[in-house]
Amino acid sequence: QVQLAESGGGLVQPGGSLRLSCAVSGSAFRLYTMGWYRQAHAQERELVAVISSLGGTKYADSVKGRFTISRDNANNTLYLQMNALKPEDSGVYYCNPLRRYSHEVPLSQSRPSDYWGPGTQVTVSS
């Protein structure tokens, strides 16, 4: 059983920044490919950033150049640095240890595991 706890969300003005954190339980964190999903109101969850166990990263086109995913294996923590935020970045953000991922195919073909935390709300508004 993997437990996940996201934090760091909040209300920010357009153009602002936030840093999200995800604490992951267990001793296998370093082996997981981890992803950040976001879910806007009444929409499906969208995978926006991935980091492999070896540190390779991939981003959705909508966040490329603005978001940076990173991990701290010593402390079982995943991060998402979000800069130049836009209103369309608003939503609940979740971390997830992916069940299926390949760097060679689009992010849309990745599949999450069944492990979800409560998420953290990000609101970008003036």
Foldseek 3Di string as FASTA:
>chain_A
DKAKDKDWADEAAQQAKIKMKIAIDDLCLLQFWKWKWFDAPPGDIDTAKIAHSVGDIDGDPVQPPFKDWDDDNVRRMIMIIGGSDDQVVWGFMWMFRWPDDDPVDDPVPTHGDPHIYPTHTHGYHD
